[in-house]
Amino acid sequence: MRVACCSSIWVGLDGCLSFCPAAVEAGDLRHNRVWIDPSLSDSEKQVIDTQTAKLKLRHKRWNTIWLIVGGFFIVLFFIMSTLGQI
């Protein structure tokens, strides 16, 4: 059986149950982890932690890419303004 998960990615039921908490945990907003069910097994918590780490790494990579793109355009606008083309 396949189900839709929180990010519109189709995954199996087990993948969805671990991906959704990982997606919330990977967000940049401050929050406490009190909403995770304490009855989860250690292996399930480990899966959530692993997926959280992967998502945080992906967020960090995208942030770095956009910082580089923004820096490039700042330098480009500076060069164009000193040459009088803006």
PDB file of N, CA and C in Angstrom:
ATOM      1  N   MET A   1       0.837  -1.182   0.000  1.00  0.00           N
ATOM      2  CA  MET A   1       0.000   0.000   0.000  1.00  0.00           C
ATOM      3  C   MET A   1       0.880   1.243   0.000  1.00  0.00           C
ATOM      4  N   ARG A   2       0.528   2.226  -0.831  1.00  0.00           N
ATOM      5  CA  ARG A   2       1.295   3.456  -0.901  1.00  0.00           C
ATOM      6  C   ARG A   2       0.419   4.600  -0.415  1.00  0.00           C
ATOM      7  N   VAL A   3       1.052   5.526   0.274  1.00  0.00           N
ATOM      8  CA  VAL A   3       0.318   6.680   0.801  1.00  0.00           C
ATOM      9  C   VAL A   3       1.093   7.949   0.480  1.00  0.00           C
ATOM     10  N   ALA A   4       0.380   9.061   0.408  1.00  0.00           N
ATOM     11  CA  ALA A   4       1.042  10.348   0.185  1.00  0.00           C
ATOM     12  C   ALA A   4       1.577  10.849   1.516  1.00  0.00           C
ATOM     13  N   CYS A   5       2.755  11.395   1.472  1.00  0.00           N
ATOM     14  CA  CYS A   5       3.372  11.891   2.700  1.00  0.00           C
ATOM     15  C   CYS A   5       3.287  13.410   2.726  1.00  0.00           C
ATOM     16  N   CYS A   6       3.837  14.003   3.793  1.00  0.00           N
ATOM     17  CA  CYS A   6       3.677  15.439   3.995  1.00  0.00           C
ATOM     18  C   CYS A   6       4.289  16.293   2.900  1.00  0.00           C
ATOM     19  N   SER A   7       5.238  15.771   2.151  1.00  0.00           N
ATOM     20  CA  SER A   7       5.863  16.605   1.125  1.00  0.00           C
ATOM     21  C   SER A   7       5.437  16.179  -0.274  1.00  0.00           C
ATOM     22  N   SER A   8       4.311  15.514  -0.384  1.00  0.00           N
ATOM     23  CA  SER A   8       3.760  15.044  -1.651  1.00  0.00           C
ATOM     24  C   SER A   8       4.676  14.038  -2.344  1.00  0.00           C
ATOM     25  N   ILE A   9       5.519  13.377  -1.603  1.00  0.00           N
ATOM     26  CA  ILE A   9       6.362  12.321  -2.147  1.00  0.00           C
ATOM     27  C   ILE A   9       5.690  11.007  -1.808  1.00  0.00           C
ATOM     28  N   TRP A  10       5.554  10.145  -2.781  1.00  0.00           N
ATOM     29  CA  TRP A  10       4.911   8.854  -2.541  1.00  0.00           C
ATOM     30  C   TRP A  10       5.932   7.901  -1.963  1.00  0.00           C
ATOM     31  N   VAL A  11       5.652   7.436  -0.768  1.00  0.00           N
ATOM     32  CA  VAL A  11       6.523   6.460  -0.118  1.00  0.00           C
ATOM     33  C   VAL A  11       5.644   5.422   0.555  1.00  0.00           C
ATOM     34  N   GLY A  12       6.253   4.340   0.954  1.00  0.00           N
ATOM     35  CA  GLY A  12       5.510   3.316   1.671  1.00  0.00           C
ATOM     36  C   GLY A  12       5.094   3.818   3.039  1.00  0.00           C
ATOM     37  N   LEU A  13       4.200   3.101   3.668  1.00  0.00           N
ATOM     38  CA  LEU A  13       3.666   3.530   4.955  1.00  0.00           C
ATOM     39  C   LEU A  13       4.770   3.691   5.992  1.00  0.00           C
ATOM     40  N   ASP A  14       5.710   2.743   6.060  1.00  0.00           N
ATOM     41  CA  ASP A  14       6.799   2.849   7.029  1.00  0.00           C
ATOM     42  C   ASP A  14       7.679   4.054   6.741  1.00  0.00           C
ATOM     43  N   GLY A  15       7.944   4.331   5.472  1.00  0.00           N
ATOM     44  CA  GLY A  15       8.765   5.478   5.104  1.00  0.00           C
ATOM     45  C   GLY A  15       8.101   6.790   5.450  1.00  0.00           C
ATOM     46  N   CYS A  16       6.775   6.828   5.293  1.00  0.00           N
ATOM     47  CA  CYS A  16       6.043   8.054   5.590  1.00  0.00           C
ATOM     48  C   CYS A  16       6.063   8.348   7.086  1.00  0.00           C
ATOM     49  N   LEU A  17       5.905   7.310   7.876  1.00  0.00           N
ATOM     50  CA  LEU A  17       5.857   7.520   9.312  1.00  0.00           C
ATOM     51  C   LEU A  17       7.184   8.005   9.869  1.00  0.00           C
ATOM     52  N   SER A  18       8.277   7.699   9.198  1.00  0.00           N
ATOM     53  CA  SER A  18       9.561   8.190   9.673  1.00  0.00           C
ATOM     54  C   SER A  18       9.987   9.457   8.937  1.00  0.00           C
ATOM     55  N   PHE A  19       9.506   9.662   7.686  1.00  0.00           N
ATOM     56  CA  PHE A  19       9.915  10.833   6.918  1.00  0.00           C
ATOM     57  C   PHE A  19       9.254  12.104   7.443  1.00  0.00           C
ATOM     58  N   CYS A  20       7.987  12.032   7.781  1.00  0.00           N
ATOM     59  CA  CYS A  20       7.269  13.231   8.211  1.00  0.00           C
ATOM     60  C   CYS A  20       7.854  13.837   9.484  1.00  0.00           C
ATOM     61  N   PRO A  21       8.110  13.050  10.534  1.00  0.00           N
ATOM     62  CA  PRO A  21       8.762  13.652  11.702  1.00  0.00           C
ATOM     63  C   PRO A  21      10.159  14.163  11.378  1.00  0.00           C
ATOM     64  N   ALA A  22      10.860  13.467  10.490  1.00  0.00           N
ATOM     65  CA  ALA A  22      12.205  13.920  10.111  1.00  0.00           C
ATOM     66  C   ALA A  22      12.133  15.255   9.384  1.00  0.00           C
ATOM     67  N   ALA A  23      11.119  15.427   8.537  1.00  0.00           N
ATOM     68  CA  ALA A  23      10.966  16.694   7.809  1.00  0.00           C
ATOM     69  C   ALA A  23      10.690  17.842   8.780  1.00  0.00           C
ATOM     70  N   VAL A  24       9.885  17.590   9.784  1.00  0.00           N
ATOM     71  CA  VAL A  24       9.589  18.626  10.782  1.00  0.00           C
ATOM     72  C   VAL A  24      10.839  18.936  11.594  1.00  0.00           C
ATOM     73  N   GLU A  25      11.561  17.895  11.991  1.00  0.00           N
ATOM     74  CA  GLU A  25      12.781  18.079  12.775  1.00  0.00           C
ATOM     75  C   GLU A  25      13.851  18.836  12.002  1.00  0.00           C
ATOM     76  N   ALA A  26      13.891  18.667  10.681  1.00  0.00           N
ATOM     77  CA  ALA A  26      14.930  19.288   9.869  1.00  0.00           C
ATOM     78  C   ALA A  26      14.664  20.766   9.604  1.00  0.00           C
ATOM     79  N   GLY A  27      13.487  21.233   9.931  1.00  0.00           N
ATOM     80  CA  GLY A  27      13.164  22.638   9.703  1.00  0.00           C
ATOM     81  C   GLY A  27      14.049  23.561  10.523  1.00  0.00           C
ATOM     82  N   ASP A  28      14.173  24.786  10.058  1.00  0.00           N
ATOM     83  CA  ASP A  28      15.032  25.758  10.725  1.00  0.00           C
ATOM     84  C   ASP A  28      14.364  26.449  11.905  1.00  0.00           C
ATOM     85  N   LEU A  29      13.098  26.155  12.164  1.00  0.00           N
ATOM     86  CA  LEU A  29      12.396  26.794  13.265  1.00  0.00           C
ATOM     87  C   LEU A  29      12.745  26.110  14.584  1.00  0.00           C
ATOM     88  N   ARG A  30      12.720  26.887  15.645  1.00  0.00           N
ATOM     89  CA  ARG A  30      12.973  26.319  16.968  1.00  0.00           C
ATOM     90  C   ARG A  30      11.736  25.573  17.435  1.00  0.00           C
ATOM     91  N   HIS A  31      11.961  24.411  18.015  1.00  0.00           N
ATOM     92  CA  HIS A  31      10.865  23.641  18.555  1.00  0.00           C
ATOM     93  C   HIS A  31      11.418  22.605  19.529  1.00  0.00           C
ATOM     94  N   ASN A  32      10.538  22.119  20.367  1.00  0.00           N
ATOM     95  CA  ASN A  32      10.907  21.042  21.286  1.00  0.00           C
ATOM     96  C   ASN A  32      10.493  19.716  20.674  1.00  0.00           C
ATOM     97  N   ARG A  33      11.113  18.671  21.112  1.00  0.00           N
ATOM     98  CA  ARG A  33      10.842  17.356  20.552  1.00  0.00           C
ATOM     99  C   ARG A  33       9.802  16.596  21.372  1.00  0.00           C
ATOM    100  N   VAL A  34       8.926  17.280  22.049  1.00  0.00           N
ATOM    101  CA  VAL A  34       7.959  16.620  22.921  1.00  0.00           C
ATOM    102  C   VAL A  34       6.844  15.922  22.148  1.00  0.00           C
ATOM    103  N   TRP A  35       6.674  16.225  20.892  1.00  0.00           N
ATOM    104  CA  TRP A  35       5.577  15.662  20.115  1.00  0.00           C
ATOM    105  C   TRP A  35       5.879  14.271  19.588  1.00  0.00           C
ATOM    106  N   ILE A  36       7.109  13.804  19.651  1.00  0.00           N
ATOM    107  CA  ILE A  36       7.437  12.462  19.169  1.00  0.00           C
ATOM    108  C   ILE A  36       6.978  11.446  20.213  1.00  0.00           C
ATOM    109  N   ASP A  37       6.295  10.433  19.753  1.00  0.00           N
ATOM    110  CA  ASP A  37       5.709   9.414  20.621  1.00  0.00           C
ATOM    111  C   ASP A  37       6.801   8.698  21.418  1.00  0.00           C
ATOM    112  N   PRO A  38       6.724   8.736  22.738  1.00  0.00           N
ATOM    113  CA  PRO A  38       7.753   8.082  23.549  1.00  0.00           C
ATOM    114  C   PRO A  38       7.730   6.563  23.447  1.00  0.00           C
ATOM    115  N   SER A  39       6.657   6.000  22.906  1.00  0.00           N
ATOM    116  CA  SER A  39       6.582   4.540  22.793  1.00  0.00           C
ATOM    117  C   SER A  39       7.285   4.009  21.548  1.00  0.00           C
ATOM    118  N   LEU A  40       7.866   4.885  20.729  1.00  0.00           N
ATOM    119  CA  LEU A  40       8.613   4.424  19.556  1.00  0.00           C
ATOM    120  C   LEU A  40       9.836   3.641  20.005  1.00  0.00           C
ATOM    121  N   SER A  41      10.165   2.646  19.224  1.00  0.00           N
ATOM    122  CA  SER A  41      11.356   1.858  19.549  1.00  0.00           C
ATOM    123  C   SER A  41      12.610   2.663  19.227  1.00  0.00           C
ATOM    124  N   ASP A  42      13.723   2.208  19.762  1.00  0.00           N
ATOM    125  CA  ASP A  42      14.993   2.895  19.505  1.00  0.00           C
ATOM    126  C   ASP A  42      15.358   2.858  18.030  1.00  0.00           C
ATOM    127  N   SER A  43      15.028   1.763  17.352  1.00  0.00           N
ATOM    128  CA  SER A  43      15.341   1.679  15.921  1.00  0.00           C
ATOM    129  C   SER A  43      14.508   2.683  15.125  1.00  0.00           C
ATOM    130  N   GLU A  44      13.255   2.873  15.490  1.00  0.00           N
ATOM    131  CA  GLU A  44      12.418   3.859  14.800  1.00  0.00           C
ATOM    132  C   GLU A  44      12.930   5.271  15.053  1.00  0.00           C
ATOM    133  N   LYS A  45      13.349   5.555  16.279  1.00  0.00           N
ATOM    134  CA  LYS A  45      13.917   6.871  16.578  1.00  0.00           C
ATOM    135  C   LYS A  45      15.220   7.076  15.826  1.00  0.00           C
ATOM    136  N   GLN A  46      16.004   6.009  15.658  1.00  0.00           N
ATOM    137  CA  GLN A  46      17.258   6.101  14.914  1.00  0.00           C
ATOM    138  C   GLN A  46      16.997   6.405  13.442  1.00  0.00           C
ATOM    139  N   VAL A  47      15.948   5.791  12.878  1.00  0.00           N
ATOM    140  CA  VAL A  47      15.578   6.069  11.487  1.00  0.00           C
ATOM    141  C   VAL A  47      15.187   7.537  11.335  1.00  0.00           C
ATOM    142  N   ILE A  48      14.403   8.049  12.274  1.00  0.00           N
ATOM    143  CA  ILE A  48      13.995   9.460  12.232  1.00  0.00           C
ATOM    144  C   ILE A  48      15.216  10.361  12.346  1.00  0.00           C
ATOM    145  N   ASP A  49      16.131  10.039  13.243  1.00  0.00           N
ATOM    146  CA  ASP A  49      17.342  10.854  13.399  1.00  0.00           C
ATOM    147  C   ASP A  49      18.210  10.823  12.150  1.00  0.00           C
ATOM    148  N   THR A  50      18.318   9.653  11.505  1.00  0.00           N
ATOM    149  CA  THR A  50      19.107   9.536  10.283  1.00  0.00           C
ATOM    150  C   THR A  50      18.498  10.370   9.163  1.00  0.00           C
ATOM    151  N   GLN A  51      17.183  10.260   8.988  1.00  0.00           N
ATOM    152  CA  GLN A  51      16.523  11.049   7.952  1.00  0.00           C
ATOM    153  C   GLN A  51      16.578  12.536   8.260  1.00  0.00           C
ATOM    154  N   THR A  52      16.501  12.894   9.528  1.00  0.00           N
ATOM    155  CA  THR A  52      16.623  14.300   9.919  1.00  0.00           C
ATOM    156  C   THR A  52      17.992  14.836   9.541  1.00  0.00           C
ATOM    157  N   ALA A  53      19.037  14.062   9.787  1.00  0.00           N
ATOM    158  CA  ALA A  53      20.392  14.495   9.437  1.00  0.00           C
ATOM    159  C   ALA A  53      20.540  14.678   7.933  1.00  0.00           C
ATOM    160  N   LYS A  54      19.957  13.771   7.151  1.00  0.00           N
ATOM    161  CA  LYS A  54      20.021  13.896   5.687  1.00  0.00           C
ATOM    162  C   LYS A  54      19.304  15.152   5.210  1.00  0.00           C
ATOM    163  N   LEU A  55      18.125  15.416   5.773  1.00  0.00           N
ATOM    164  CA  LEU A  55      17.366  16.597   5.361  1.00  0.00           C
ATOM    165  C   LEU A  55      18.070  17.888   5.768  1.00  0.00           C
ATOM    166  N   LYS A  56      18.687  17.895   6.958  1.00  0.00           N
ATOM    167  CA  LYS A  56      19.425  19.082   7.384  1.00  0.00           C
ATOM    168  C   LYS A  56      20.611  19.342   6.478  1.00  0.00           C
ATOM    169  N   LEU A  57      21.282  18.273   6.049  1.00  0.00           N
ATOM    170  CA  LEU A  57      22.403  18.430   5.129  1.00  0.00           C
ATOM    171  C   LEU A  57      21.928  18.982   3.792  1.00  0.00           C
ATOM    172  N   ARG A  58      20.777  18.498   3.311  1.00  0.00           N
ATOM    173  CA  ARG A  58      20.240  19.010   2.052  1.00  0.00           C
ATOM    174  C   ARG A  58      19.873  20.484   2.187  1.00  0.00           C
ATOM    175  N   HIS A  59      19.253  20.869   3.320  1.00  0.00           N
ATOM    176  CA  HIS A  59      18.927  22.286   3.545  1.00  0.00           C
ATOM    177  C   HIS A  59      20.190  23.131   3.567  1.00  0.00           C
ATOM    178  N   LYS A  60      21.240  22.628   4.229  1.00  0.00           N
ATOM    179  CA  LYS A  60      22.499  23.372   4.311  1.00  0.00           C
ATOM    180  C   LYS A  60      23.116  23.562   2.934  1.00  0.00           C
ATOM    181  N   ARG A  61      23.066  22.512   2.099  1.00  0.00           N
ATOM    182  CA  ARG A  61      23.612  22.628   0.734  1.00  0.00           C
ATOM    183  C   ARG A  61      22.859  23.665  -0.071  1.00  0.00           C
ATOM    184  N   TRP A  62      21.516  23.636  -0.020  1.00  0.00           N
ATOM    185  CA  TRP A  62      20.733  24.621  -0.767  1.00  0.00           C
ATOM    186  C   TRP A  62      20.990  26.032  -0.263  1.00  0.00           C
ATOM    187  N   ASN A  63      21.106  26.205   1.046  1.00  0.00           N
ATOM    188  CA  ASN A  63      21.416  27.530   1.588  1.00  0.00           C
ATOM    189  C   ASN A  63      22.764  28.017   1.088  1.00  0.00           C
ATOM    190  N   THR A  64      23.748  27.127   1.043  1.00  0.00           N
ATOM    191  CA  THR A  64      25.074  27.504   0.536  1.00  0.00           C
ATOM    192  C   THR A  64      25.015  27.889  -0.931  1.00  0.00           C
ATOM    193  N   ILE A  65      24.283  27.118  -1.724  1.00  0.00           N
ATOM    194  CA  ILE A  65      24.150  27.439  -3.153  1.00  0.00           C
ATOM    195  C   ILE A  65      23.534  28.816  -3.339  1.00  0.00           C
ATOM    196  N   TRP A  66      22.459  29.110  -2.599  1.00  0.00           N
ATOM    197  CA  TRP A  66      21.796  30.409  -2.769  1.00  0.00           C
ATOM    198  C   TRP A  66      22.650  31.562  -2.235  1.00  0.00           C
ATOM    199  N   LEU A  67      23.463  31.312  -1.214  1.00  0.00           N
ATOM    200  CA  LEU A  67      24.398  32.348  -0.761  1.00  0.00           C
ATOM    201  C   LEU A  67      25.437  32.649  -1.828  1.00  0.00           C
ATOM    202  N   ILE A  68      25.925  31.621  -2.515  1.00  0.00           N
ATOM    203  CA  ILE A  68      26.895  31.814  -3.590  1.00  0.00           C
ATOM    204  C   ILE A  68      26.261  32.577  -4.752  1.00  0.00           C
ATOM    205  N   VAL A  69      25.042  32.203  -5.128  1.00  0.00           N
ATOM    206  CA  VAL A  69      24.342  32.895  -6.213  1.00  0.00           C
ATOM    207  C   VAL A  69      24.122  34.358  -5.840  1.00  0.00           C
ATOM    208  N   GLY A  70      23.679  34.616  -4.622  1.00  0.00           N
ATOM    209  CA  GLY A  70      23.457  35.995  -4.178  1.00  0.00           C
ATOM    210  C   GLY A  70      24.747  36.795  -4.159  1.00  0.00           C
ATOM    211  N   GLY A  71      25.833  36.188  -3.667  1.00  0.00           N
ATOM    212  CA  GLY A  71      27.130  36.867  -3.654  1.00  0.00           C
ATOM    213  C   GLY A  71      27.610  37.197  -5.048  1.00  0.00           C
ATOM    214  N   PHE A  72      27.385  36.269  -5.987  1.00  0.00           N
ATOM    215  CA  PHE A  72      27.781  36.513  -7.375  1.00  0.00           C
ATOM    216  C   PHE A  72      27.066  37.736  -7.935  1.00  0.00           C
ATOM    217  N   PHE A  73      25.760  37.831  -7.696  1.00  0.00           N
ATOM    218  CA  PHE A  73      25.017  38.964  -8.237  1.00  0.00           C
ATOM    219  C   PHE A  73      25.352  40.272  -7.531  1.00  0.00           C
ATOM    220  N   ILE A  74      25.686  40.227  -6.270  1.00  0.00           N
ATOM    221  CA  ILE A  74      26.135  41.448  -5.585  1.00  0.00           C
ATOM    222  C   ILE A  74      27.430  41.943  -6.206  1.00  0.00           C
ATOM    223  N   VAL A  75      28.366  41.030  -6.436  1.00  0.00           N
ATOM    224  CA  VAL A  75      29.635  41.415  -7.078  1.00  0.00           C
ATOM    225  C   VAL A  75      29.370  41.919  -8.492  1.00  0.00           C
ATOM    226  N   LEU A  76      28.491  41.244  -9.227  1.00  0.00           N
ATOM    227  CA  LEU A  76      28.164  41.668 -10.590  1.00  0.00           C
ATOM    228  C   LEU A  76      27.555  43.076 -10.593  1.00  0.00           C
ATOM    229  N   PHE A  77      26.614  43.348  -9.708  1.00  0.00           N
ATOM    230  CA  PHE A  77      26.016  44.681  -9.645  1.00  0.00           C
ATOM    231  C   PHE A  77      27.034  45.739  -9.230  1.00  0.00           C
ATOM    232  N   PHE A  78      27.954  45.375  -8.340  1.00  0.00           N
ATOM    233  CA  PHE A  78      28.998  46.319  -7.943  1.00  0.00           C
ATOM    234  C   PHE A  78      29.889  46.659  -9.136  1.00  0.00           C
ATOM    235  N   ILE A  79      30.272  45.639  -9.880  1.00  0.00           N
ATOM    236  CA  ILE A  79      31.140  45.864 -11.054  1.00  0.00           C
ATOM    237  C   ILE A  79      30.397  46.700 -12.090  1.00  0.00           C
ATOM    238  N   MET A  80      29.127  46.377 -12.329  1.00  0.00           N
ATOM    239  CA  MET A  80      28.356  47.130 -13.315  1.00  0.00           C
ATOM    240  C   MET A  80      28.146  48.582 -12.872  1.00  0.00           C
ATOM    241  N   SER A  81      27.985  48.818 -11.578  1.00  0.00           N
ATOM    242  CA  SER A  81      27.781  50.197 -11.116  1.00  0.00           C
ATOM    243  C   SER A  81      29.074  50.995 -11.191  1.00  0.00           C
ATOM    244  N   THR A  82      30.209  50.332 -10.969  1.00  0.00           N
ATOM    245  CA  THR A  82      31.472  51.082 -11.068  1.00  0.00           C
ATOM    246  C   THR A  82      31.817  51.358 -12.524  1.00  0.00           C
ATOM    247  N   LEU A  83      31.369  50.540 -13.424  1.00  0.00           N
ATOM    248  CA  LEU A  83      31.618  50.777 -14.843  1.00  0.00           C
ATOM    249  C   LEU A  83      30.552  51.691 -15.460  1.00  0.00           C
ATOM    250  N   GLY A  84      29.535  52.030 -14.696  1.00  0.00           N
ATOM    251  CA  GLY A  84      28.519  52.967 -15.153  1.00  0.00           C
ATOM    252  C   GLY A  84      27.461  52.366 -16.046  1.00  0.00           C
ATOM    253  N   GLN A  85      27.243  51.078 -15.972  1.00  0.00           N
ATOM    254  CA  GLN A  85      26.241  50.448 -16.825  1.00  0.00           C
ATOM    255  C   GLN A  85      24.881  50.300 -16.137  1.00  0.00           C
ATOM    256  N   ILE A  86      24.781  50.723 -14.880  1.00  0.00           N
ATOM    257  CA  ILE A  86      23.478  50.659 -14.198  1.00  0.00           C
ATOM    258  C   ILE A  86      22.939  52.070 -14.055  1.00  0.00           C
TER     259      ILE A  86
END
